[in-house]
Amino acid sequence: MLDYDYTCPDIDKNINELKDIFKESIKELLIRFRDEKFDNEDVDQISEDCASDLYSDFEDYFENVRKTNEDLRNAANDQIYTLKGSIETLEYEIEEKENEIETLNINIDQLHSKLGCV
């Protein structure tokens, strides 16, 4: 299991803050343009400006989520590196024990030979 704090609270916090920004931005647009008449070109420009403004408002929230993701990846990589080191150590210890067993088996065979056992 990955040893890392749950990221959902951080991500949920950012999502909820973004929802508040969306709500306020839509509210501002509705108030600003409720009695105005616009042609398609105006609507396109207003949409583009609004999208740009919204992105500026919530860019930091996406960066916070990206940072959470990066921290999670780094923690996983560190833990994988540590576990690989542990595996290598254990594999080495297994090899040493197998060599010891082989040496002990040779010693047993030699003792059997000296004692005349089959």
PDB file of N, CA and C in Angstrom:
ATOM      1  N   MET A   1       0.844  -1.175   0.000  1.00  0.00           N
ATOM      2  CA  MET A   1       0.000   0.000   0.000  1.00  0.00           C
ATOM      3  C   MET A   1       0.891   1.240   0.000  1.00  0.00           C
ATOM      4  N   LEU A   2       0.516   2.214  -0.787  1.00  0.00           N
ATOM      5  CA  LEU A   2       1.278   3.452  -0.880  1.00  0.00           C
ATOM      6  C   LEU A   2       1.180   4.221   0.432  1.00  0.00           C
ATOM      7  N   ASP A   3       2.322   4.583   0.979  1.00  0.00           N
ATOM      8  CA  ASP A   3       2.362   5.345   2.216  1.00  0.00           C
ATOM      9  C   ASP A   3       2.316   6.829   1.867  1.00  0.00           C
ATOM     10  N   TYR A   4       1.097   7.347   1.710  1.00  0.00           N
ATOM     11  CA  TYR A   4       0.918   8.754   1.353  1.00  0.00           C
ATOM     12  C   TYR A   4      -0.467   9.173   1.823  1.00  0.00           C
ATOM     13  N   ASP A   5      -0.564  10.374   2.340  1.00  0.00           N
ATOM     14  CA  ASP A   5      -1.859  10.869   2.805  1.00  0.00           C
ATOM     15  C   ASP A   5      -2.873  10.877   1.668  1.00  0.00           C
ATOM     16  N   TYR A   6      -4.135  10.772   2.033  1.00  0.00           N
ATOM     17  CA  TYR A   6      -5.200  10.843   1.028  1.00  0.00           C
ATOM     18  C   TYR A   6      -5.156  12.194   0.331  1.00  0.00           C
ATOM     19  N   THR A   7      -5.253  12.172  -0.989  1.00  0.00           N
ATOM     20  CA  THR A   7      -5.198  13.411  -1.763  1.00  0.00           C
ATOM     21  C   THR A   7      -6.584  13.984  -2.024  1.00  0.00           C
ATOM     22  N   CYS A   8      -7.623  13.194  -1.816  1.00  0.00           N
ATOM     23  CA  CYS A   8      -8.979  13.655  -2.113  1.00  0.00           C
ATOM     24  C   CYS A   8      -9.344  14.959  -1.395  1.00  0.00           C
ATOM     25  N   PRO A   9      -9.007  15.134  -0.115  1.00  0.00           N
ATOM     26  CA  PRO A   9      -9.361  16.407   0.521  1.00  0.00           C
ATOM     27  C   PRO A   9      -8.741  17.615  -0.187  1.00  0.00           C
ATOM     28  N   ASP A  10      -7.500  17.491  -0.622  1.00  0.00           N
ATOM     29  CA  ASP A  10      -6.857  18.598  -1.345  1.00  0.00           C
ATOM     30  C   ASP A  10      -7.558  18.858  -2.669  1.00  0.00           C
ATOM     31  N   ILE A  11      -7.835  17.783  -3.388  1.00  0.00           N
ATOM     32  CA  ILE A  11      -8.479  17.924  -4.697  1.00  0.00           C
ATOM     33  C   ILE A  11      -9.904  18.439  -4.521  1.00  0.00           C
ATOM     34  N   ASP A  12     -10.653  17.903  -3.553  1.00  0.00           N
ATOM     35  CA  ASP A  12     -12.019  18.355  -3.293  1.00  0.00           C
ATOM     36  C   ASP A  12     -12.050  19.830  -2.927  1.00  0.00           C
ATOM     37  N   LYS A  13     -11.089  20.262  -2.134  1.00  0.00           N
ATOM     38  CA  LYS A  13     -11.012  21.677  -1.748  1.00  0.00           C
ATOM     39  C   LYS A  13     -10.867  22.555  -2.988  1.00  0.00           C
ATOM     40  N   ASN A  14      -9.972  22.161  -3.882  1.00  0.00           N
ATOM     41  CA  ASN A  14      -9.772  22.934  -5.103  1.00  0.00           C
ATOM     42  C   ASN A  14     -11.014  22.922  -5.983  1.00  0.00           C
ATOM     43  N   ILE A  15     -11.670  21.783  -6.098  1.00  0.00           N
ATOM     44  CA  ILE A  15     -12.885  21.690  -6.912  1.00  0.00           C
ATOM     45  C   ILE A  15     -13.971  22.595  -6.337  1.00  0.00           C
ATOM     46  N   ASN A  16     -14.164  22.553  -5.030  1.00  0.00           N
ATOM     47  CA  ASN A  16     -15.202  23.383  -4.410  1.00  0.00           C
ATOM     48  C   ASN A  16     -14.908  24.872  -4.568  1.00  0.00           C
ATOM     49  N   GLU A  17     -13.650  25.242  -4.455  1.00  0.00           N
ATOM     50  CA  GLU A  17     -13.298  26.640  -4.657  1.00  0.00           C
ATOM     51  C   GLU A  17     -13.535  27.055  -6.104  1.00  0.00           C
ATOM     52  N   LEU A  18     -13.258  26.144  -7.046  1.00  0.00           N
ATOM     53  CA  LEU A  18     -13.530  26.434  -8.457  1.00  0.00           C
ATOM     54  C   LEU A  18     -15.030  26.601  -8.703  1.00  0.00           C
ATOM     55  N   LYS A  19     -15.830  25.767  -8.079  1.00  0.00           N
ATOM     56  CA  LYS A  19     -17.283  25.890  -8.229  1.00  0.00           C
ATOM     57  C   LYS A  19     -17.747  27.268  -7.775  1.00  0.00           C
ATOM     58  N   ASP A  20     -17.186  27.753  -6.675  1.00  0.00           N
ATOM     59  CA  ASP A  20     -17.541  29.082  -6.186  1.00  0.00           C
ATOM     60  C   ASP A  20     -17.150  30.161  -7.199  1.00  0.00           C
ATOM     61  N   ILE A  21     -15.975  30.005  -7.800  1.00  0.00           N
ATOM     62  CA  ILE A  21     -15.536  30.974  -8.817  1.00  0.00           C
ATOM     63  C   ILE A  21     -16.476  30.936 -10.016  1.00  0.00           C
ATOM     64  N   PHE A  22     -16.835  29.740 -10.483  1.00  0.00           N
ATOM     65  CA  PHE A  22     -17.766  29.620 -11.606  1.00  0.00           C
ATOM     66  C   PHE A  22     -19.091  30.309 -11.277  1.00  0.00           C
ATOM     67  N   LYS A  23     -19.609  30.030 -10.094  1.00  0.00           N
ATOM     68  CA  LYS A  23     -20.894  30.598  -9.690  1.00  0.00           C
ATOM     69  C   LYS A  23     -20.833  32.125  -9.704  1.00  0.00           C
ATOM     70  N   GLU A  24     -19.786  32.673  -9.109  1.00  0.00           N
ATOM     71  CA  GLU A  24     -19.647  34.134  -9.059  1.00  0.00           C
ATOM     72  C   GLU A  24     -19.446  34.728 -10.453  1.00  0.00           C
ATOM     73  N   SER A  25     -18.681  34.063 -11.285  1.00  0.00           N
ATOM     74  CA  SER A  25     -18.434  34.569 -12.635  1.00  0.00           C
ATOM     75  C   SER A  25     -19.705  34.562 -13.470  1.00  0.00           C
ATOM     76  N   ILE A  26     -20.475  33.493 -13.362  1.00  0.00           N
ATOM     77  CA  ILE A  26     -21.740  33.413 -14.109  1.00  0.00           C
ATOM     78  C   ILE A  26     -22.705  34.482 -13.600  1.00  0.00           C
ATOM     79  N   LYS A  27     -22.739  34.647 -12.295  1.00  0.00           N
ATOM     80  CA  LYS A  27     -23.606  35.666 -11.695  1.00  0.00           C
ATOM     81  C   LYS A  27     -23.223  37.052 -12.215  1.00  0.00           C
ATOM     82  N   GLU A  28     -21.925  37.353 -12.226  1.00  0.00           N
ATOM     83  CA  GLU A  28     -21.451  38.653 -12.726  1.00  0.00           C
ATOM     84  C   GLU A  28     -21.829  38.851 -14.188  1.00  0.00           C
ATOM     85  N   LEU A  29     -21.673  37.795 -14.996  1.00  0.00           N
ATOM     86  CA  LEU A  29     -22.045  37.899 -16.418  1.00  0.00           C
ATOM     87  C   LEU A  29     -23.532  38.166 -16.592  1.00  0.00           C
ATOM     88  N   LEU A  30     -24.344  37.450 -15.844  1.00  0.00           N
ATOM     89  CA  LEU A  30     -25.793  37.632 -15.960  1.00  0.00           C
ATOM     90  C   LEU A  30     -26.208  39.041 -15.564  1.00  0.00           C
ATOM     91  N   ILE A  31     -25.619  39.542 -14.489  1.00  0.00           N
ATOM     92  CA  ILE A  31     -25.933  40.909 -14.053  1.00  0.00           C
ATOM     93  C   ILE A  31     -25.452  41.919 -15.088  1.00  0.00           C
ATOM     94  N   ARG A  32     -24.262  41.706 -15.594  1.00  0.00           N
ATOM     95  CA  ARG A  32     -23.645  42.649 -16.542  1.00  0.00           C
ATOM     96  C   ARG A  32     -24.397  42.724 -17.867  1.00  0.00           C
ATOM     97  N   PHE A  33     -24.905  41.586 -18.308  1.00  0.00           N
ATOM     98  CA  PHE A  33     -25.483  41.556 -19.651  1.00  0.00           C
ATOM     99  C   PHE A  33     -26.981  41.270 -19.694  1.00  0.00           C
ATOM    100  N   ARG A  34     -27.664  41.360 -18.582  1.00  0.00           N
ATOM    101  CA  ARG A  34     -29.072  40.944 -18.589  1.00  0.00           C
ATOM    102  C   ARG A  34     -29.942  41.773 -19.527  1.00  0.00           C
ATOM    103  N   ASP A  35     -29.645  43.046 -19.706  1.00  0.00           N
ATOM    104  CA  ASP A  35     -30.482  43.898 -20.562  1.00  0.00           C
ATOM    105  C   ASP A  35     -29.823  44.258 -21.884  1.00  0.00           C
ATOM    106  N   GLU A  36     -28.687  43.669 -22.171  1.00  0.00           N
ATOM    107  CA  GLU A  36     -27.952  43.996 -23.390  1.00  0.00           C
ATOM    108  C   GLU A  36     -28.345  43.062 -24.532  1.00  0.00           C
ATOM    109  N   LYS A  37     -28.238  43.562 -25.738  1.00  0.00           N
ATOM    110  CA  LYS A  37     -28.437  42.748 -26.944  1.00  0.00           C
ATOM    111  C   LYS A  37     -27.083  42.682 -27.659  1.00  0.00           C
ATOM    112  N   PHE A  38     -26.675  41.501 -28.012  1.00  0.00           N
ATOM    113  CA  PHE A  38     -25.371  41.309 -28.641  1.00  0.00           C
ATOM    114  C   PHE A  38     -25.513  40.511 -29.923  1.00  0.00           C
ATOM    115  N   ASP A  39     -24.647  40.850 -30.888  1.00  0.00           N
ATOM    116  CA  ASP A  39     -24.610  40.022 -32.096  1.00  0.00           C
ATOM    117  C   ASP A  39     -23.615  38.880 -31.864  1.00  0.00           C
ATOM    118  N   ASN A  40     -23.517  37.968 -32.838  1.00  0.00           N
ATOM    119  CA  ASN A  40     -22.664  36.788 -32.678  1.00  0.00           C
ATOM    120  C   ASN A  40     -21.206  37.147 -32.428  1.00  0.00           C
ATOM    121  N   GLU A  41     -20.730  38.177 -33.109  1.00  0.00           N
ATOM    122  CA  GLU A  41     -19.336  38.586 -32.939  1.00  0.00           C
ATOM    123  C   GLU A  41     -19.085  39.054 -31.504  1.00  0.00           C
ATOM    124  N   ASP A  42     -20.034  39.846 -30.974  1.00  0.00           N
ATOM    125  CA  ASP A  42     -19.915  40.296 -29.583  1.00  0.00           C
ATOM    126  C   ASP A  42     -19.920  39.110 -28.621  1.00  0.00           C
ATOM    127  N   VAL A  43     -20.818  38.177 -28.871  1.00  0.00           N
ATOM    128  CA  VAL A  43     -20.924  37.000 -28.008  1.00  0.00           C
ATOM    129  C   VAL A  43     -19.631  36.199 -28.041  1.00  0.00           C
ATOM    130  N   ASP A  44     -19.060  36.037 -29.241  1.00  0.00           N
ATOM    131  CA  ASP A  44     -17.799  35.303 -29.358  1.00  0.00           C
ATOM    132  C   ASP A  44     -16.687  35.997 -28.577  1.00  0.00           C
ATOM    133  N   GLN A  45     -16.600  37.313 -28.714  1.00  0.00           N
ATOM    134  CA  GLN A  45     -15.544  38.057 -28.022  1.00  0.00           C
ATOM    135  C   GLN A  45     -15.751  38.017 -26.510  1.00  0.00           C
ATOM    136  N   ILE A  46     -16.976  38.195 -26.089  1.00  0.00           N
ATOM    137  CA  ILE A  46     -17.279  38.156 -24.654  1.00  0.00           C
ATOM    138  C   ILE A  46     -16.969  36.763 -24.094  1.00  0.00           C
ATOM    139  N   SER A  47     -17.332  35.730 -24.850  1.00  0.00           N
ATOM    140  CA  SER A  47     -17.052  34.357 -24.418  1.00  0.00           C
ATOM    141  C   SER A  47     -15.561  34.127 -24.282  1.00  0.00           C
ATOM    142  N   GLU A  48     -14.815  34.615 -25.267  1.00  0.00           N
ATOM    143  CA  GLU A  48     -13.360  34.450 -25.234  1.00  0.00           C
ATOM    144  C   GLU A  48     -12.755  35.189 -24.041  1.00  0.00           C
ATOM    145  N   ASP A  49     -13.196  36.416 -23.824  1.00  0.00           N
ATOM    146  CA  ASP A  49     -12.699  37.201 -22.692  1.00  0.00           C
ATOM    147  C   ASP A  49     -13.056  36.535 -21.365  1.00  0.00           C
ATOM    148  N   CYS A  50     -14.276  36.054 -21.289  1.00  0.00           N
ATOM    149  CA  CYS A  50     -14.737  35.404 -20.059  1.00  0.00           C
ATOM    150  C   CYS A  50     -13.934  34.135 -19.787  1.00  0.00           C
ATOM    151  N   ALA A  51     -13.715  33.330 -20.826  1.00  0.00           N
ATOM    152  CA  ALA A  51     -12.945  32.096 -20.667  1.00  0.00           C
ATOM    153  C   ALA A  51     -11.527  32.410 -20.201  1.00  0.00           C
ATOM    154  N   SER A  52     -10.948  33.447 -20.781  1.00  0.00           N
ATOM    155  CA  SER A  52      -9.597  33.842 -20.389  1.00  0.00           C
ATOM    156  C   SER A  52      -9.570  34.319 -18.938  1.00  0.00           C
ATOM    157  N   ASP A  53     -10.557  35.126 -18.566  1.00  0.00           N
ATOM    158  CA  ASP A  53     -10.636  35.613 -17.181  1.00  0.00           C
ATOM    159  C   ASP A  53     -10.839  34.459 -16.203  1.00  0.00           C
ATOM    160  N   LEU A  54     -11.725  33.534 -16.575  1.00  0.00           N
ATOM    161  CA  LEU A  54     -11.980  32.386 -15.704  1.00  0.00           C
ATOM    162  C   LEU A  54     -10.719  31.555 -15.526  1.00  0.00           C
ATOM    163  N   TYR A  55     -10.018  31.304 -16.631  1.00  0.00           N
ATOM    164  CA  TYR A  55      -8.803  30.508 -16.523  1.00  0.00           C
ATOM    165  C   TYR A  55      -7.793  31.207 -15.622  1.00  0.00           C
ATOM    166  N   SER A  56      -7.676  32.506 -15.755  1.00  0.00           N
ATOM    167  CA  SER A  56      -6.756  33.256 -14.883  1.00  0.00           C
ATOM    168  C   SER A  56      -7.152  33.106 -13.428  1.00  0.00           C
ATOM    169  N   ASP A  57      -8.473  33.094 -13.181  1.00  0.00           N
ATOM    170  CA  ASP A  57      -8.958  32.958 -11.807  1.00  0.00           C
ATOM    171  C   ASP A  57      -8.673  31.589 -11.217  1.00  0.00           C
ATOM    172  N   PHE A  58      -8.755  30.540 -12.040  1.00  0.00           N
ATOM    173  CA  PHE A  58      -8.607  29.211 -11.453  1.00  0.00           C
ATOM    174  C   PHE A  58      -7.370  28.440 -11.868  1.00  0.00           C
ATOM    175  N   GLU A  59      -6.460  29.077 -12.541  1.00  0.00           N
ATOM    176  CA  GLU A  59      -5.208  28.424 -12.946  1.00  0.00           C
ATOM    177  C   GLU A  59      -4.456  27.869 -11.737  1.00  0.00           C
ATOM    178  N   ASP A  60      -4.421  28.634 -10.650  1.00  0.00           N
ATOM    179  CA  ASP A  60      -3.709  28.183  -9.442  1.00  0.00           C
ATOM    180  C   ASP A  60      -4.299  26.899  -8.881  1.00  0.00           C
ATOM    181  N   TYR A  61      -5.611  26.716  -9.017  1.00  0.00           N
ATOM    182  CA  TYR A  61      -6.249  25.512  -8.491  1.00  0.00           C
ATOM    183  C   TYR A  61      -5.792  24.279  -9.268  1.00  0.00           C
ATOM    184  N   PHE A  62      -5.671  24.434 -10.585  1.00  0.00           N
ATOM    185  CA  PHE A  62      -5.160  23.326 -11.391  1.00  0.00           C
ATOM    186  C   PHE A  62      -3.704  23.034 -11.035  1.00  0.00           C
ATOM    187  N   GLU A  63      -2.952  24.085 -10.791  1.00  0.00           N
ATOM    188  CA  GLU A  63      -1.551  23.892 -10.414  1.00  0.00           C
ATOM    189  C   GLU A  63      -1.449  23.195  -9.051  1.00  0.00           C
ATOM    190  N   ASN A  64      -2.381  23.503  -8.136  1.00  0.00           N
ATOM    191  CA  ASN A  64      -2.387  22.818  -6.839  1.00  0.00           C
ATOM    192  C   ASN A  64      -2.660  21.325  -7.012  1.00  0.00           C
ATOM    193  N   VAL A  65      -3.588  20.992  -7.886  1.00  0.00           N
ATOM    194  CA  VAL A  65      -3.891  19.581  -8.150  1.00  0.00           C
ATOM    195  C   VAL A  65      -2.685  18.920  -8.817  1.00  0.00           C
ATOM    196  N   ARG A  66      -2.065  19.626  -9.765  1.00  0.00           N
ATOM    197  CA  ARG A  66      -0.869  19.091 -10.424  1.00  0.00           C
ATOM    198  C   ARG A  66       0.243  18.839  -9.405  1.00  0.00           C
ATOM    199  N   LYS A  67       0.396  19.757  -8.435  1.00  0.00           N
ATOM    200  CA  LYS A  67       1.416  19.606  -7.387  1.00  0.00           C
ATOM    201  C   LYS A  67       1.097  18.395  -6.516  1.00  0.00           C
ATOM    202  N   THR A  68      -0.177  18.211  -6.177  1.00  0.00           N
ATOM    203  CA  THR A  68      -0.581  17.050  -5.394  1.00  0.00           C
ATOM    204  C   THR A  68      -0.232  15.769  -6.142  1.00  0.00           C
ATOM    205  N   ASN A  69      -0.510  15.751  -7.435  1.00  0.00           N
ATOM    206  CA  ASN A  69      -0.202  14.593  -8.269  1.00  0.00           C
ATOM    207  C   ASN A  69       1.308  14.347  -8.320  1.00  0.00           C
ATOM    208  N   GLU A  70       2.072  15.410  -8.458  1.00  0.00           N
ATOM    209  CA  GLU A  70       3.541  15.292  -8.498  1.00  0.00           C
ATOM    210  C   GLU A  70       4.077  14.758  -7.165  1.00  0.00           C
ATOM    211  N   ASP A  71       3.545  15.278  -6.056  1.00  0.00           N
ATOM    212  CA  ASP A  71       3.969  14.809  -4.734  1.00  0.00           C
ATOM    213  C   ASP A  71       3.651  13.327  -4.563  1.00  0.00           C
ATOM    214  N   LEU A  72       2.487  12.932  -5.037  1.00  0.00           N
ATOM    215  CA  LEU A  72       2.073  11.526  -4.953  1.00  0.00           C
ATOM    216  C   LEU A  72       3.016  10.636  -5.765  1.00  0.00           C
ATOM    217  N   ARG A  73       3.330  11.066  -6.998  1.00  0.00           N
ATOM    218  CA  ARG A  73       4.260  10.304  -7.841  1.00  0.00           C
ATOM    219  C   ARG A  73       5.633  10.203  -7.199  1.00  0.00           C
ATOM    220  N   ASN A  74       6.120  11.314  -6.638  1.00  0.00           N
ATOM    221  CA  ASN A  74       7.436  11.311  -5.997  1.00  0.00           C
ATOM    222  C   ASN A  74       7.458  10.376  -4.793  1.00  0.00           C
ATOM    223  N   ALA A  75       6.392  10.400  -4.004  1.00  0.00           N
ATOM    224  CA  ALA A  75       6.319   9.496  -2.843  1.00  0.00           C
ATOM    225  C   ALA A  75       6.321   8.044  -3.315  1.00  0.00           C
ATOM    226  N   ALA A  76       5.556   7.761  -4.362  1.00  0.00           N
ATOM    227  CA  ALA A  76       5.516   6.391  -4.893  1.00  0.00           C
ATOM    228  C   ALA A  76       6.891   5.979  -5.409  1.00  0.00           C
ATOM    229  N   ASN A  77       7.542   6.858  -6.149  1.00  0.00           N
ATOM    230  CA  ASN A  77       8.877   6.538  -6.677  1.00  0.00           C
ATOM    231  C   ASN A  77       9.881   6.291  -5.551  1.00  0.00           C
ATOM    232  N   ASP A  78       9.833   7.115  -4.512  1.00  0.00           N
ATOM    233  CA  ASP A  78      10.737   6.927  -3.374  1.00  0.00           C
ATOM    234  C   ASP A  78      10.493   5.581  -2.694  1.00  0.00           C
ATOM    235  N   GLN A  79       9.212   5.247  -2.522  1.00  0.00           N
ATOM    236  CA  GLN A  79       8.882   3.988  -1.864  1.00  0.00           C
ATOM    237  C   GLN A  79       9.274   2.797  -2.737  1.00  0.00           C
ATOM    238  N   ILE A  80       9.071   2.908  -4.030  1.00  0.00           N
ATOM    239  CA  ILE A  80       9.471   1.831  -4.947  1.00  0.00           C
ATOM    240  C   ILE A  80      10.984   1.641  -4.895  1.00  0.00           C
ATOM    241  N   TYR A  81      11.731   2.745  -4.906  1.00  0.00           N
ATOM    242  CA  TYR A  81      13.192   2.681  -4.837  1.00  0.00           C
ATOM    243  C   TYR A  81      13.627   1.978  -3.551  1.00  0.00           C
ATOM    244  N   THR A  82      13.007   2.362  -2.429  1.00  0.00           N
ATOM    245  CA  THR A  82      13.341   1.738  -1.143  1.00  0.00           C
ATOM    246  C   THR A  82      13.015   0.251  -1.158  1.00  0.00           C
ATOM    247  N   LEU A  83      11.848  -0.102  -1.697  1.00  0.00           N
ATOM    248  CA  LEU A  83      11.451  -1.511  -1.748  1.00  0.00           C
ATOM    249  C   LEU A  83      12.374  -2.320  -2.655  1.00  0.00           C
ATOM    250  N   LYS A  84      12.795  -1.731  -3.771  1.00  0.00           N
ATOM    251  CA  LYS A  84      13.732  -2.441  -4.652  1.00  0.00           C
ATOM    252  C   LYS A  84      15.038  -2.711  -3.920  1.00  0.00           C
ATOM    253  N   GLY A  85      15.495  -1.739  -3.131  1.00  0.00           N
ATOM    254  CA  GLY A  85      16.706  -1.939  -2.334  1.00  0.00           C
ATOM    255  C   GLY A  85      16.520  -3.060  -1.325  1.00  0.00           C
ATOM    256  N   SER A  86      15.353  -3.090  -0.695  1.00  0.00           N
ATOM    257  CA  SER A  86      15.067  -4.162   0.271  1.00  0.00           C
ATOM    258  C   SER A  86      15.032  -5.518  -0.413  1.00  0.00           C
ATOM    259  N   ILE A  87      14.444  -5.571  -1.588  1.00  0.00           N
ATOM    260  CA  ILE A  87      14.374  -6.829  -2.345  1.00  0.00           C
ATOM    261  C   ILE A  87      15.776  -7.309  -2.697  1.00  0.00           C
ATOM    262  N   GLU A  88      16.620  -6.390  -3.174  1.00  0.00           N
ATOM    263  CA  GLU A  88      17.995  -6.766  -3.512  1.00  0.00           C
ATOM    264  C   GLU A  88      18.737  -7.298  -2.292  1.00  0.00           C
ATOM    265  N   THR A  89      18.545  -6.655  -1.146  1.00  0.00           N
ATOM    266  CA  THR A  89      19.186  -7.110   0.093  1.00  0.00           C
ATOM    267  C   THR A  89      18.702  -8.505   0.458  1.00  0.00           C
ATOM    268  N   LEU A  90      17.394  -8.713   0.378  1.00  0.00           N
ATOM    269  CA  LEU A  90      16.839 -10.027   0.713  1.00  0.00           C
ATOM    270  C   LEU A  90      17.297 -11.102  -0.268  1.00  0.00           C
ATOM    271  N   GLU A  91      17.377 -10.750  -1.556  1.00  0.00           N
ATOM    272  CA  GLU A  91      17.864 -11.720  -2.545  1.00  0.00           C
ATOM    273  C   GLU A  91      19.313 -12.103  -2.240  1.00  0.00           C
ATOM    274  N   TYR A  92      20.118 -11.135  -1.835  1.00  0.00           N
ATOM    275  CA  TYR A  92      21.506 -11.405  -1.478  1.00  0.00           C
ATOM    276  C   TYR A  92      21.565 -12.320  -0.249  1.00  0.00           C
ATOM    277  N   GLU A  93      20.718 -12.023   0.742  1.00  0.00           N
ATOM    278  CA  GLU A  93      20.693 -12.854   1.951  1.00  0.00           C
ATOM    279  C   GLU A  93      20.247 -14.284   1.624  1.00  0.00           C
ATOM    280  N   ILE A  94      19.282 -14.425   0.732  1.00  0.00           N
ATOM    281  CA  ILE A  94      18.834 -15.759   0.310  1.00  0.00           C
ATOM    282  C   ILE A  94      19.988 -16.512  -0.340  1.00  0.00           C
ATOM    283  N   GLU A  95      20.712 -15.830  -1.221  1.00  0.00           N
ATOM    284  CA  GLU A  95      21.854 -16.455  -1.888  1.00  0.00           C
ATOM    285  C   GLU A  95      22.900 -16.899  -0.857  1.00  0.00           C
ATOM    286  N   GLU A  96      23.174 -16.052   0.139  1.00  0.00           N
ATOM    287  CA  GLU A  96      24.127 -16.413   1.187  1.00  0.00           C
ATOM    288  C   GLU A  96      23.654 -17.647   1.954  1.00  0.00           C
ATOM    289  N   LYS A  97      22.367 -17.675   2.284  1.00  0.00           N
ATOM    290  CA  LYS A  97      21.819 -18.823   3.017  1.00  0.00           C
ATOM    291  C   LYS A  97      21.869 -20.091   2.171  1.00  0.00           C
ATOM    292  N   GLU A  98      21.600 -19.961   0.877  1.00  0.00           N
ATOM    293  CA  GLU A  98      21.691 -21.132  -0.010  1.00  0.00           C
ATOM    294  C   GLU A  98      23.126 -21.646  -0.063  1.00  0.00           C
ATOM    295  N   ASN A  99      24.089 -20.719  -0.104  1.00  0.00           N
ATOM    296  CA  ASN A  99      25.507 -21.123  -0.076  1.00  0.00           C
ATOM    297  C   ASN A  99      25.865 -21.804   1.244  1.00  0.00           C
ATOM    298  N   GLU A 100      25.342 -21.277   2.346  1.00  0.00           N
ATOM    299  CA  GLU A 100      25.589 -21.898   3.647  1.00  0.00           C
ATOM    300  C   GLU A 100      25.003 -23.307   3.683  1.00  0.00           C
ATOM    301  N   ILE A 101      23.796 -23.462   3.142  1.00  0.00           N
ATOM    302  CA  ILE A 101      23.161 -24.787   3.101  1.00  0.00           C
ATOM    303  C   ILE A 101      24.013 -25.752   2.285  1.00  0.00           C
ATOM    304  N   GLU A 102      24.490 -25.260   1.136  1.00  0.00           N
ATOM    305  CA  GLU A 102      25.339 -26.105   0.288  1.00  0.00           C
ATOM    306  C   GLU A 102      26.606 -26.513   1.042  1.00  0.00           C
ATOM    307  N   THR A 103      27.231 -25.573   1.719  1.00  0.00           N
ATOM    308  CA  THR A 103      28.438 -25.870   2.501  1.00  0.00           C
ATOM    309  C   THR A 103      28.126 -26.874   3.609  1.00  0.00           C
ATOM    310  N   LEU A 104      27.009 -26.700   4.293  1.00  0.00           N
ATOM    311  CA  LEU A 104      26.623 -27.629   5.353  1.00  0.00           C
ATOM    312  C   LEU A 104      26.335 -29.022   4.790  1.00  0.00           C
ATOM    313  N   ASN A 105      25.714 -29.079   3.619  1.00  0.00           N
ATOM    314  CA  ASN A 105      25.465 -30.380   2.988  1.00  0.00           C
ATOM    315  C   ASN A 105      26.769 -31.085   2.632  1.00  0.00           C
ATOM    316  N   ILE A 106      27.730 -30.317   2.154  1.00  0.00           N
ATOM    317  CA  ILE A 106      29.057 -30.892   1.845  1.00  0.00           C
ATOM    318  C   ILE A 106      29.690 -31.410   3.126  1.00  0.00           C
ATOM    319  N   ASN A 107      29.610 -30.619   4.197  1.00  0.00           N
ATOM    320  CA  ASN A 107      30.172 -31.038   5.498  1.00  0.00           C
ATOM    321  C   ASN A 107      29.487 -32.306   6.006  1.00  0.00           C
ATOM    322  N   ILE A 108      28.182 -32.393   5.836  1.00  0.00           N
ATOM    323  CA  ILE A 108      27.437 -33.590   6.259  1.00  0.00           C
ATOM    324  C   ILE A 108      27.900 -34.796   5.456  1.00  0.00           C
ATOM    325  N   ASP A 109      28.044 -34.623   4.137  1.00  0.00           N
ATOM    326  CA  ASP A 109      28.509 -35.722   3.291  1.00  0.00           C
ATOM    327  C   ASP A 109      29.910 -36.179   3.715  1.00  0.00           C
ATOM    328  N   GLN A 110      30.775 -35.225   4.017  1.00  0.00           N
ATOM    329  CA  GLN A 110      32.136 -35.572   4.455  1.00  0.00           C
ATOM    330  C   GLN A 110      32.112 -36.319   5.786  1.00  0.00           C
ATOM    331  N   LEU A 111      31.247 -35.874   6.696  1.00  0.00           N
ATOM    332  CA  LEU A 111      31.133 -36.569   7.986  1.00  0.00           C
ATOM    333  C   LEU A 111      30.586 -37.977   7.799  1.00  0.00           C
ATOM    334  N   HIS A 112      29.613 -38.115   6.922  1.00  0.00           N
ATOM    335  CA  HIS A 112      29.089 -39.446   6.620  1.00  0.00           C
ATOM    336  C   HIS A 112      30.193 -40.357   6.073  1.00  0.00           C
ATOM    337  N   SER A 113      30.992 -39.784   5.199  1.00  0.00           N
ATOM    338  CA  SER A 113      32.100 -40.577   4.621  1.00  0.00           C
ATOM    339  C   SER A 113      33.084 -40.992   5.712  1.00  0.00           C
ATOM    340  N   LYS A 114      33.426 -40.082   6.608  1.00  0.00           N
ATOM    341  CA  LYS A 114      34.373 -40.392   7.678  1.00  0.00           C
ATOM    342  C   LYS A 114      33.807 -41.436   8.637  1.00  0.00           C
ATOM    343  N   LEU A 115      32.504 -41.355   8.861  1.00  0.00           N
ATOM    344  CA  LEU A 115      31.874 -42.296   9.789  1.00  0.00           C
ATOM    345  C   LEU A 115      31.482 -43.611   9.102  1.00  0.00           C
ATOM    346  N   GLY A 116      31.624 -43.631   7.804  1.00  0.00           N
ATOM    347  CA  GLY A 116      31.281 -44.836   7.055  1.00  0.00           C
ATOM    348  C   GLY A 116      29.783 -44.987   6.848  1.00  0.00           C
ATOM    349  N   CYS A 117      29.060 -43.913   6.910  1.00  0.00           N
ATOM    350  CA  CYS A 117      27.612 -43.949   6.681  1.00  0.00           C
ATOM    351  C   CYS A 117      27.334 -43.799   5.193  1.00  0.00           C
ATOM    352  N   VAL A 118      26.202 -44.318   4.845  1.00  0.00           N
ATOM    353  CA  VAL A 118      25.809 -44.217   3.435  1.00  0.00           C
ATOM    354  C   VAL A 118      25.039 -42.968   3.202  1.00  0.00           C
TER     355      VAL A 118
END
